[in-house]
């Protein structure tokens, strides 16, 4: 069953939304299952493509899933991690701007 799921996810990954990418990465982390070389490759591309549109929750779910699964053998996920890092930084900047709007600082 897991092999069939992995094969289907590989086929669909190209069209994933940011939420779908984060849900899949989170699910593999929750199951403590390595997605395998082929699916890692597809997920890596999907994360890079979708990271800019992810909410803070989706970024966190991806990072948690990746950390829980561990580093895959033979697959370089550094671009995916950098894309998630950029989006997390952008989200933090937006949050800071809404909590601490620009202007004169109170004395």
PDB file of N, CA and C in Angstrom:
ATOM      1  N   UNK A   1       0.825  -1.195   0.000  1.00  0.00           N
ATOM      2  CA  UNK A   1       0.000   0.000   0.000  1.00  0.00           C
ATOM      3  C   UNK A   1       0.870   1.260   0.000  1.00  0.00           C
ATOM      4  N   UNK A   2       1.920   1.275   0.839  1.00  0.00           N
ATOM      5  CA  UNK A   2       2.785   2.446   0.909  1.00  0.00           C
ATOM      6  C   UNK A   2       3.476   2.695  -0.427  1.00  0.00           C
ATOM      7  N   UNK A   3       3.861   1.637  -1.121  1.00  0.00           N
ATOM      8  CA  UNK A   3       4.493   1.787  -2.430  1.00  0.00           C
ATOM      9  C   UNK A   3       3.528   2.441  -3.419  1.00  0.00           C
ATOM     10  N   UNK A   4       2.272   2.030  -3.388  1.00  0.00           N
ATOM     11  CA  UNK A   4       1.261   2.615  -4.280  1.00  0.00           C
ATOM     12  C   UNK A   4       1.040   4.096  -3.947  1.00  0.00           C
ATOM     13  N   UNK A   5       1.031   4.427  -2.664  1.00  0.00           N
ATOM     14  CA  UNK A   5       0.871   5.825  -2.246  1.00  0.00           C
ATOM     15  C   UNK A   5       2.052   6.651  -2.738  1.00  0.00           C
ATOM     16  N   UNK A   6       3.261   6.140  -2.541  1.00  0.00           N
ATOM     17  CA  UNK A   6       4.460   6.866  -2.984  1.00  0.00           C
ATOM     18  C   UNK A   6       4.428   7.089  -4.495  1.00  0.00           C
ATOM     19  N   UNK A   7       4.058   6.060  -5.250  1.00  0.00           N
ATOM     20  CA  UNK A   7       3.998   6.188  -6.705  1.00  0.00           C
ATOM     21  C   UNK A   7       2.982   7.247  -7.124  1.00  0.00           C
ATOM     22  N   UNK A   8       1.829   7.247  -6.475  1.00  0.00           N
ATOM     23  CA  UNK A   8       0.776   8.218  -6.816  1.00  0.00           C
ATOM     24  C   UNK A   8       1.195   9.639  -6.463  1.00  0.00           C
ATOM     25  N   UNK A   9       1.839   9.810  -5.308  1.00  0.00           N
ATOM     26  CA  UNK A   9       2.310  11.128  -4.889  1.00  0.00           C
ATOM     27  C   UNK A   9       3.367  11.640  -5.873  1.00  0.00           C
ATOM     28  N   UNK A  10       4.233  10.764  -6.353  1.00  0.00           N
ATOM     29  CA  UNK A  10       5.238  11.171  -7.348  1.00  0.00           C
ATOM     30  C   UNK A  10       4.573  11.725  -8.599  1.00  0.00           C
ATOM     31  N   UNK A  11       3.495  11.098  -9.019  1.00  0.00           N
ATOM     32  CA  UNK A  11       2.783  11.542 -10.221  1.00  0.00           C
ATOM     33  C   UNK A  11       2.116  12.898  -9.984  1.00  0.00           C
ATOM     34  N   UNK A  12       1.554  13.084  -8.803  1.00  0.00           N
ATOM     35  CA  UNK A  12       0.790  14.299  -8.514  1.00  0.00           C
ATOM     36  C   UNK A  12       1.627  15.473  -8.015  1.00  0.00           C
ATOM     37  N   UNK A  13       2.832  15.213  -7.542  1.00  0.00           N
ATOM     38  CA  UNK A  13       3.640  16.244  -6.864  1.00  0.00           C
ATOM     39  C   UNK A  13       3.861  17.495  -7.703  1.00  0.00           C
ATOM     40  N   UNK A  14       3.963  17.341  -8.999  1.00  0.00           N
ATOM     41  CA  UNK A  14       4.222  18.485  -9.867  1.00  0.00           C
ATOM     42  C   UNK A  14       3.128  19.546  -9.762  1.00  0.00           C
ATOM     43  N   UNK A  15       1.908  19.129  -9.474  1.00  0.00           N
ATOM     44  CA  UNK A  15       0.793  20.071  -9.388  1.00  0.00           C
ATOM     45  C   UNK A  15       0.362  20.415  -7.978  1.00  0.00           C
ATOM     46  N   UNK A  16       1.127  19.995  -6.994  1.00  0.00           N
ATOM     47  CA  UNK A  16       0.753  20.246  -5.599  1.00  0.00           C
ATOM     48  C   UNK A  16       0.678  21.739  -5.286  1.00  0.00           C
ATOM     49  N   UNK A  17      -0.271  22.067  -4.429  1.00  0.00           N
ATOM     50  CA  UNK A  17      -0.349  23.407  -3.848  1.00  0.00           C
ATOM     51  C   UNK A  17       0.605  23.443  -2.652  1.00  0.00           C
ATOM     52  N   UNK A  18       0.900  24.633  -2.130  1.00  0.00           N
ATOM     53  CA  UNK A  18       1.744  24.691  -0.934  1.00  0.00           C
ATOM     54  C   UNK A  18       1.206  23.842   0.220  1.00  0.00           C
ATOM     55  N   UNK A  19      -0.107  23.855   0.423  1.00  0.00           N
ATOM     56  CA  UNK A  19      -0.694  23.062   1.507  1.00  0.00           C
ATOM     57  C   UNK A  19      -0.512  21.573   1.271  1.00  0.00           C
ATOM     58  N   UNK A  20      -0.699  21.134   0.039  1.00  0.00           N
ATOM     59  CA  UNK A  20      -0.549  19.707  -0.267  1.00  0.00           C
ATOM     60  C   UNK A  20       0.889  19.246  -0.059  1.00  0.00           C
ATOM     61  N   UNK A  21       1.841  20.069  -0.461  1.00  0.00           N
ATOM     62  CA  UNK A  21       3.250  19.716  -0.239  1.00  0.00           C
ATOM     63  C   UNK A  21       3.514  19.557   1.254  1.00  0.00           C
ATOM     64  N   UNK A  22       3.087  20.555   2.042  1.00  0.00           N
ATOM     65  CA  UNK A  22       3.355  20.496   3.483  1.00  0.00           C
ATOM     66  C   UNK A  22       2.624  19.325   4.128  1.00  0.00           C
ATOM     67  N   UNK A  23       1.412  19.022   3.667  1.00  0.00           N
ATOM     68  CA  UNK A  23       0.661  17.889   4.228  1.00  0.00           C
ATOM     69  C   UNK A  23       1.382  16.561   3.963  1.00  0.00           C
ATOM     70  N   UNK A  24       1.916  16.400   2.760  1.00  0.00           N
ATOM     71  CA  UNK A  24       2.606  15.145   2.421  1.00  0.00           C
ATOM     72  C   UNK A  24       3.892  15.004   3.231  1.00  0.00           C
ATOM     73  N   UNK A  25       4.681  16.076   3.305  1.00  0.00           N
ATOM     74  CA  UNK A  25       5.927  16.010   4.073  1.00  0.00           C
ATOM     75  C   UNK A  25       5.610  15.740   5.543  1.00  0.00           C
ATOM     76  N   UNK A  26       4.599  16.413   6.069  1.00  0.00           N
ATOM     77  CA  UNK A  26       4.193  16.204   7.464  1.00  0.00           C
ATOM     78  C   UNK A  26       3.749  14.752   7.671  1.00  0.00           C
ATOM     79  N   UNK A  27       2.962  14.225   6.734  1.00  0.00           N
ATOM     80  CA  UNK A  27       2.439  12.857   6.877  1.00  0.00           C
ATOM     81  C   UNK A  27       3.573  11.828   6.914  1.00  0.00           C
ATOM     82  N   UNK A  28       4.573  11.973   6.050  1.00  0.00           N
ATOM     83  CA  UNK A  28       5.692  11.037   6.084  1.00  0.00           C
ATOM     84  C   UNK A  28       6.462  11.170   7.391  1.00  0.00           C
ATOM     85  N   UNK A  29       6.587  12.396   7.903  1.00  0.00           N
ATOM     86  CA  UNK A  29       7.217  12.582   9.211  1.00  0.00           C
ATOM     87  C   UNK A  29       6.411  11.924  10.314  1.00  0.00           C
ATOM     88  N   UNK A  30       5.101  12.082  10.252  1.00  0.00           N
ATOM     89  CA  UNK A  30       4.222  11.501  11.274  1.00  0.00           C
ATOM     90  C   UNK A  30       4.300   9.980  11.259  1.00  0.00           C
ATOM     91  N   UNK A  31       4.407   9.415  10.066  1.00  0.00           N
ATOM     92  CA  UNK A  31       4.518   7.963   9.933  1.00  0.00           C
ATOM     93  C   UNK A  31       5.936   7.457  10.190  1.00  0.00           C
ATOM     94  N   UNK A  32       6.873   8.415  10.300  1.00  0.00           N
ATOM     95  CA  UNK A  32       8.292   8.081  10.467  1.00  0.00           C
ATOM     96  C   UNK A  32       8.761   7.164   9.333  1.00  0.00           C
ATOM     97  N   UNK A  33       8.341   7.531   8.106  1.00  0.00           N
ATOM     98  CA  UNK A  33       8.685   6.755   6.917  1.00  0.00           C
ATOM     99  C   UNK A  33       9.534   7.585   5.980  1.00  0.00           C
ATOM    100  N   UNK A  34      10.593   7.004   5.479  1.00  0.00           N
ATOM    101  CA  UNK A  34      11.406   7.648   4.458  1.00  0.00           C
ATOM    102  C   UNK A  34      10.637   7.550   3.140  1.00  0.00           C
ATOM    103  N   UNK A  35      10.396   8.674   2.485  1.00  0.00           N
ATOM    104  CA  UNK A  35       9.648   8.622   1.227  1.00  0.00           C
ATOM    105  C   UNK A  35      10.368   7.888   0.098  1.00  0.00           C
ATOM    106  N   UNK A  36      11.659   7.688   0.220  1.00  0.00           N
ATOM    107  CA  UNK A  36      12.408   7.023  -0.838  1.00  0.00           C
ATOM    108  C   UNK A  36      13.007   8.032  -1.793  1.00  0.00           C
ATOM    109  N   UNK A  37      14.014   7.594  -2.526  1.00  0.00           N
ATOM    110  CA  UNK A  37      14.812   8.464  -3.388  1.00  0.00           C
ATOM    111  C   UNK A  37      13.954   9.213  -4.402  1.00  0.00           C
ATOM    112  N   UNK A  38      13.106   8.514  -5.129  1.00  0.00           N
ATOM    113  CA  UNK A  38      12.298   9.133  -6.199  1.00  0.00           C
ATOM    114  C   UNK A  38      11.349  10.188  -5.633  1.00  0.00           C
ATOM    115  N   UNK A  39      10.625   9.840  -4.569  1.00  0.00           N
ATOM    116  CA  UNK A  39       9.663  10.779  -3.990  1.00  0.00           C
ATOM    117  C   UNK A  39      10.380  11.957  -3.333  1.00  0.00           C
ATOM    118  N   UNK A  40      11.537  11.706  -2.702  1.00  0.00           N
ATOM    119  CA  UNK A  40      12.311  12.819  -2.136  1.00  0.00           C
ATOM    120  C   UNK A  40      12.621  13.839  -3.221  1.00  0.00           C
ATOM    121  N   UNK A  41      13.025  13.341  -4.386  1.00  0.00           N
ATOM    122  CA  UNK A  41      13.340  14.239  -5.496  1.00  0.00           C
ATOM    123  C   UNK A  41      12.149  15.084  -5.905  1.00  0.00           C
ATOM    124  N   UNK A  42      10.992  14.455  -6.011  1.00  0.00           N
ATOM    125  CA  UNK A  42       9.767  15.179  -6.382  1.00  0.00           C
ATOM    126  C   UNK A  42       9.367  16.182  -5.303  1.00  0.00           C
ATOM    127  N   UNK A  43       9.463  15.761  -4.035  1.00  0.00           N
ATOM    128  CA  UNK A  43       9.093  16.659  -2.940  1.00  0.00           C
ATOM    129  C   UNK A  43      10.048  17.848  -2.849  1.00  0.00           C
ATOM    130  N   UNK A  44      11.314  17.592  -3.083  1.00  0.00           N
ATOM    131  CA  UNK A  44      12.303  18.675  -3.056  1.00  0.00           C
ATOM    132  C   UNK A  44      11.941  19.745  -4.078  1.00  0.00           C
ATOM    133  N   UNK A  45      11.625  19.338  -5.292  1.00  0.00           N
ATOM    134  CA  UNK A  45      11.241  20.281  -6.347  1.00  0.00           C
ATOM    135  C   UNK A  45       9.951  21.005  -5.974  1.00  0.00           C
ATOM    136  N   UNK A  46       8.986  20.263  -5.441  1.00  0.00           N
ATOM    137  CA  UNK A  46       7.703  20.866  -5.065  1.00  0.00           C
ATOM    138  C   UNK A  46       7.862  21.871  -3.923  1.00  0.00           C
ATOM    139  N   UNK A  47       8.727  21.578  -2.967  1.00  0.00           N
ATOM    140  CA  UNK A  47       8.960  22.512  -1.863  1.00  0.00           C
ATOM    141  C   UNK A  47       9.568  23.805  -2.392  1.00  0.00           C
ATOM    142  N   UNK A  48      10.575  23.700  -3.251  1.00  0.00           N
ATOM    143  CA  UNK A  48      11.216  24.893  -3.811  1.00  0.00           C
ATOM    144  C   UNK A  48      10.191  25.711  -4.595  1.00  0.00           C
ATOM    145  N   UNK A  49       9.351  25.035  -5.372  1.00  0.00           N
ATOM    146  CA  UNK A  49       8.347  25.721  -6.185  1.00  0.00           C
ATOM    147  C   UNK A  49       7.275  26.386  -5.334  1.00  0.00           C
ATOM    148  N   UNK A  50       6.876  25.752  -4.243  1.00  0.00           N
ATOM    149  CA  UNK A  50       5.729  26.217  -3.448  1.00  0.00           C
ATOM    150  C   UNK A  50       6.086  27.039  -2.218  1.00  0.00           C
ATOM    151  N   UNK A  51       7.320  27.019  -1.785  1.00  0.00           N
ATOM    152  CA  UNK A  51       7.673  27.638  -0.500  1.00  0.00           C
ATOM    153  C   UNK A  51       7.248  29.096  -0.404  1.00  0.00           C
ATOM    154  N   UNK A  52       7.392  29.843  -1.479  1.00  0.00           N
ATOM    155  CA  UNK A  52       7.040  31.261  -1.449  1.00  0.00           C
ATOM    156  C   UNK A  52       5.576  31.530  -1.178  1.00  0.00           C
ATOM    157  N   UNK A  53       4.719  30.545  -1.396  1.00  0.00           N
ATOM    158  CA  UNK A  53       3.290  30.718  -1.152  1.00  0.00           C
ATOM    159  C   UNK A  53       2.795  30.037   0.112  1.00  0.00           C
ATOM    160  N   UNK A  54       3.734  29.507   0.900  1.00  0.00           N
ATOM    161  CA  UNK A  54       3.338  28.779   2.112  1.00  0.00           C
ATOM    162  C   UNK A  54       3.024  29.714   3.266  1.00  0.00           C
ATOM    163  N   UNK A  55       2.048  29.311   4.052  1.00  0.00           N
ATOM    164  CA  UNK A  55       1.760  30.008   5.300  1.00  0.00           C
ATOM    165  C   UNK A  55       2.812  29.593   6.323  1.00  0.00           C
ATOM    166  N   UNK A  56       2.833  30.285   7.443  1.00  0.00           N
ATOM    167  CA  UNK A  56       3.792  29.927   8.490  1.00  0.00           C
ATOM    168  C   UNK A  56       3.557  28.500   8.980  1.00  0.00           C
ATOM    169  N   UNK A  57       2.308  28.081   9.061  1.00  0.00           N
ATOM    170  CA  UNK A  57       2.001  26.707   9.493  1.00  0.00           C
ATOM    171  C   UNK A  57       2.537  25.690   8.494  1.00  0.00           C
ATOM    172  N   UNK A  58       2.379  25.975   7.206  1.00  0.00           N
ATOM    173  CA  UNK A  58       2.864  25.052   6.184  1.00  0.00           C
ATOM    174  C   UNK A  58       4.389  24.952   6.203  1.00  0.00           C
ATOM    175  N   UNK A  59       5.059  26.081   6.400  1.00  0.00           N
ATOM    176  CA  UNK A  59       6.515  26.057   6.521  1.00  0.00           C
ATOM    177  C   UNK A  59       6.922  25.209   7.720  1.00  0.00           C
ATOM    178  N   UNK A  60       6.258  25.434   8.858  1.00  0.00           N
ATOM    179  CA  UNK A  60       6.571  24.661  10.074  1.00  0.00           C
ATOM    180  C   UNK A  60       6.314  23.175   9.869  1.00  0.00           C
ATOM    181  N   UNK A  61       5.202  22.831   9.217  1.00  0.00           N
ATOM    182  CA  UNK A  61       4.898  21.422   8.972  1.00  0.00           C
ATOM    183  C   UNK A  61       5.961  20.775   8.092  1.00  0.00           C
ATOM    184  N   UNK A  62       6.412  21.491   7.077  1.00  0.00           N
ATOM    185  CA  UNK A  62       7.482  20.955   6.216  1.00  0.00           C
ATOM    186  C   UNK A  62       8.767  20.764   7.004  1.00  0.00           C
ATOM    187  N   UNK A  63       9.152  21.781   7.759  1.00  0.00           N
ATOM    188  CA  UNK A  63      10.392  21.681   8.522  1.00  0.00           C
ATOM    189  C   UNK A  63      10.318  20.560   9.547  1.00  0.00           C
ATOM    190  N   UNK A  64       9.180  20.434  10.215  1.00  0.00           N
ATOM    191  CA  UNK A  64       9.021  19.364  11.203  1.00  0.00           C
ATOM    192  C   UNK A  64       9.102  18.002  10.515  1.00  0.00           C
ATOM    193  N   UNK A  65       8.400  17.859   9.397  1.00  0.00           N
ATOM    194  CA  UNK A  65       8.426  16.586   8.672  1.00  0.00           C
ATOM    195  C   UNK A  65       9.818  16.222   8.210  1.00  0.00           C
ATOM    196  N   UNK A  66      10.532  17.204   7.647  1.00  0.00           N
ATOM    197  CA  UNK A  66      11.903  16.950   7.191  1.00  0.00           C
ATOM    198  C   UNK A  66      12.814  16.581   8.350  1.00  0.00           C
ATOM    199  N   UNK A  67      12.668  17.283   9.474  1.00  0.00           N
ATOM    200  CA  UNK A  67      13.511  16.987  10.647  1.00  0.00           C
ATOM    201  C   UNK A  67      13.197  15.616  11.222  1.00  0.00           C
ATOM    202  N   UNK A  68      11.938  15.235  11.199  1.00  0.00           N
ATOM    203  CA  UNK A  68      11.527  13.949  11.765  1.00  0.00           C
ATOM    204  C   UNK A  68      11.975  12.784  10.898  1.00  0.00           C
ATOM    205  N   UNK A  69      11.863  12.945   9.584  1.00  0.00           N
ATOM    206  CA  UNK A  69      12.267  11.877   8.664  1.00  0.00           C
ATOM    207  C   UNK A  69      13.781  11.711   8.676  1.00  0.00           C
ATOM    208  N   UNK A  70      14.490  12.823   8.745  1.00  0.00           N
ATOM    209  CA  UNK A  70      15.951  12.777   8.704  1.00  0.00           C
ATOM    210  C   UNK A  70      16.452  13.009   7.305  1.00  0.00           C
ATOM    211  N   UNK A  71      17.749  13.161   7.196  1.00  0.00           N
ATOM    212  CA  UNK A  71      18.354  13.459   5.902  1.00  0.00           C
ATOM    213  C   UNK A  71      18.288  12.238   4.994  1.00  0.00           C
ATOM    214  N   UNK A  72      17.767  12.427   3.790  1.00  0.00           N
ATOM    215  CA  UNK A  72      17.653  11.299   2.856  1.00  0.00           C
ATOM    216  C   UNK A  72      19.006  10.917   2.272  1.00  0.00           C
ATOM    217  N   UNK A  73      19.166   9.642   1.999  1.00  0.00           N
ATOM    218  CA  UNK A  73      20.395   9.159   1.368  1.00  0.00           C
ATOM    219  C   UNK A  73      20.415   9.554  -0.102  1.00  0.00           C
ATOM    220  N   UNK A  74      21.457  10.247  -0.504  1.00  0.00           N
ATOM    221  CA  UNK A  74      21.660  10.538  -1.914  1.00  0.00           C
ATOM    222  C   UNK A  74      20.817  11.648  -2.497  1.00  0.00           C
ATOM    223  N   UNK A  75      20.018  12.348  -1.701  1.00  0.00           N
ATOM    224  CA  UNK A  75      19.182  13.429  -2.219  1.00  0.00           C
ATOM    225  C   UNK A  75      19.582  14.719  -1.522  1.00  0.00           C
ATOM    226  N   UNK A  76      19.956  15.713  -2.311  1.00  0.00           N
ATOM    227  CA  UNK A  76      20.338  17.013  -1.762  1.00  0.00           C
ATOM    228  C   UNK A  76      19.082  17.858  -1.563  1.00  0.00           C
ATOM    229  N   UNK A  77      18.712  18.081  -0.313  1.00  0.00           N
ATOM    230  CA  UNK A  77      17.513  18.874  -0.033  1.00  0.00           C
ATOM    231  C   UNK A  77      17.862  20.297   0.408  1.00  0.00           C
ATOM    232  N   UNK A  78      19.103  20.715   0.202  1.00  0.00           N
ATOM    233  CA  UNK A  78      19.522  22.041   0.666  1.00  0.00           C
ATOM    234  C   UNK A  78      18.718  23.163   0.014  1.00  0.00           C
ATOM    235  N   UNK A  79      18.383  23.046  -1.283  1.00  0.00           N
ATOM    236  CA  UNK A  79      17.583  24.093  -1.943  1.00  0.00           C
ATOM    237  C   UNK A  79      16.196  24.180  -1.325  1.00  0.00           C
ATOM    238  N   UNK A  80      15.623  23.038  -0.978  1.00  0.00           N
ATOM    239  CA  UNK A  80      14.308  23.038  -0.341  1.00  0.00           C
ATOM    240  C   UNK A  80      14.381  23.699   1.031  1.00  0.00           C
ATOM    241  N   UNK A  81      15.421  23.382   1.777  1.00  0.00           N
ATOM    242  CA  UNK A  81      15.578  23.986   3.111  1.00  0.00           C
ATOM    243  C   UNK A  81      15.793  25.490   3.005  1.00  0.00           C
ATOM    244  N   UNK A  82      16.575  25.932   2.028  1.00  0.00           N
ATOM    245  CA  UNK A  82      16.803  27.372   1.844  1.00  0.00           C
ATOM    246  C   UNK A  82      15.512  28.080   1.446  1.00  0.00           C
ATOM    247  N   UNK A  83      14.706  27.448   0.604  1.00  0.00           N
ATOM    248  CA  UNK A  83      13.429  28.049   0.204  1.00  0.00           C
ATOM    249  C   UNK A  83      12.503  28.193   1.405  1.00  0.00           C
ATOM    250  N   UNK A  84      12.469  27.169   2.251  1.00  0.00           N
ATOM    251  CA  UNK A  84      11.644  27.243   3.468  1.00  0.00           C
ATOM    252  C   UNK A  84      12.178  28.308   4.418  1.00  0.00           C
ATOM    253  N   UNK A  85      13.493  28.414   4.517  1.00  0.00           N
ATOM    254  CA  UNK A  85      14.110  29.417   5.388  1.00  0.00           C
ATOM    255  C   UNK A  85      13.760  30.828   4.915  1.00  0.00           C
ATOM    256  N   UNK A  86      13.813  31.063   3.598  1.00  0.00           N
ATOM    257  CA  UNK A  86      13.459  32.382   3.053  1.00  0.00           C
ATOM    258  C   UNK A  86      12.005  32.726   3.373  1.00  0.00           C
ATOM    259  N   UNK A  87      11.100  31.750   3.192  1.00  0.00           N
ATOM    260  CA  UNK A  87       9.688  32.015   3.449  1.00  0.00           C
ATOM    261  C   UNK A  87       9.439  32.241   4.936  1.00  0.00           C
ATOM    262  N   UNK A  88      10.131  31.496   5.782  1.00  0.00           N
ATOM    263  CA  UNK A  88       9.982  31.709   7.233  1.00  0.00           C
ATOM    264  C   UNK A  88      10.454  33.112   7.600  1.00  0.00           C
ATOM    265  N   UNK A  89      11.562  33.554   7.013  1.00  0.00           N
ATOM    266  CA  UNK A  89      12.061  34.901   7.270  1.00  0.00           C
ATOM    267  C   UNK A  89      11.085  35.960   6.807  1.00  0.00           C
ATOM    268  N   UNK A  90      10.477  35.756   5.634  1.00  0.00           N
ATOM    269  CA  UNK A  90       9.493  36.712   5.118  1.00  0.00           C
ATOM    270  C   UNK A  90       8.270  36.768   6.030  1.00  0.00           C
ATOM    271  N   UNK A  91       7.839  35.619   6.529  1.00  0.00           N
ATOM    272  CA  UNK A  91       6.685  35.563   7.424  1.00  0.00           C
ATOM    273  C   UNK A  91       6.985  36.297   8.726  1.00  0.00           C
ATOM    274  N   UNK A  92       8.175  36.100   9.246  1.00  0.00           N
ATOM    275  CA  UNK A  92       8.563  36.780  10.489  1.00  0.00           C
ATOM    276  C   UNK A  92       8.613  38.286  10.260  1.00  0.00           C
ATOM    277  N   UNK A  93       9.127  38.720   9.125  1.00  0.00           N
ATOM    278  CA  UNK A  93       9.183  40.150   8.817  1.00  0.00           C
ATOM    279  C   UNK A  93       7.783  40.755   8.754  1.00  0.00           C
ATOM    280  N   UNK A  94       6.837  40.047   8.135  1.00  0.00           N
ATOM    281  CA  UNK A  94       5.453  40.532   8.082  1.00  0.00           C
ATOM    282  C   UNK A  94       4.845  40.624   9.470  1.00  0.00           C
ATOM    283  N   UNK A  95       5.114  39.626  10.292  1.00  0.00           N
ATOM    284  CA  UNK A  95       4.595  39.622  11.657  1.00  0.00           C
ATOM    285  C   UNK A  95       5.175  40.787  12.449  1.00  0.00           C
ATOM    286  N   UNK A  96       6.464  40.999  12.338  1.00  0.00           N
ATOM    287  CA  UNK A  96       7.099  42.120  13.043  1.00  0.00           C
ATOM    288  C   UNK A  96       6.518  43.453  12.593  1.00  0.00           C
ATOM    289  N   UNK A  97       6.275  43.589  11.293  1.00  0.00           N
ATOM    290  CA  UNK A  97       5.728  44.838  10.766  1.00  0.00           C
ATOM    291  C   UNK A  97       4.311  45.085  11.275  1.00  0.00           C
ATOM    292  N   UNK A  98       3.548  44.030  11.468  1.00  0.00           N
ATOM    293  CA  UNK A  98       2.175  44.225  11.954  1.00  0.00           C
ATOM    294  C   UNK A  98       2.144  44.482  13.464  1.00  0.00           C
ATOM    295  N   UNK A  99       3.078  43.908  14.197  1.00  0.00           N
ATOM    296  CA  UNK A  99       3.129  44.108  15.643  1.00  0.00           C
ATOM    297  C   UNK A  99       3.851  45.386  15.988  1.00  0.00           C
ATOM    298  N   UNK A 100       4.903  45.679  15.250  1.00  0.00           N
ATOM    299  CA  UNK A 100       5.735  46.869  15.503  1.00  0.00           C
ATOM    300  C   UNK A 100       5.760  47.716  14.229  1.00  0.00           C
ATOM    301  N   UNK A 101       4.686  48.466  13.951  1.00  0.00           N
ATOM    302  CA  UNK A 101       4.646  49.247  12.709  1.00  0.00           C
ATOM    303  C   UNK A 101       5.740  50.306  12.687  1.00  0.00           C
ATOM    304  N   UNK A 102       6.202  50.657  11.472  1.00  0.00           N
ATOM    305  CA  UNK A 102       7.235  51.672  11.378  1.00  0.00           C
ATOM    306  C   UNK A 102       6.707  53.026  11.859  1.00  0.00           C
ATOM    307  N   UNK A 103       7.582  53.832  12.292  1.00  0.00           N
ATOM    308  CA  UNK A 103       7.197  55.158  12.786  1.00  0.00           C
ATOM    309  C   UNK A 103       7.996  55.488  14.014  1.00  0.00           C
ATOM    310  N   UNK A 104       7.657  56.616  14.629  1.00  0.00           N
ATOM    311  CA  UNK A 104       8.412  57.010  15.827  1.00  0.00           C
ATOM    312  C   UNK A 104       8.252  55.991  16.941  1.00  0.00           C
ATOM    313  N   UNK A 105       9.335  55.732  17.591  1.00  0.00           N
ATOM    314  CA  UNK A 105       9.326  54.790  18.704  1.00  0.00           C
ATOM    315  C   UNK A 105       8.871  55.517  19.969  1.00  0.00           C
ATOM    316  N   UNK A 106       8.052  54.856  20.768  1.00  0.00           N
ATOM    317  CA  UNK A 106       7.624  55.493  22.027  1.00  0.00           C
ATOM    318  C   UNK A 106       8.824  55.714  22.951  1.00  0.00           C
ATOM    319  N   UNK A 107       8.810  56.811  23.684  1.00  0.00           N
ATOM    320  CA  UNK A 107       9.929  57.109  24.599  1.00  0.00           C
ATOM    321  C   UNK A 107       9.746  56.445  25.926  1.00  0.00           C
TER     322      UNK A 107
END
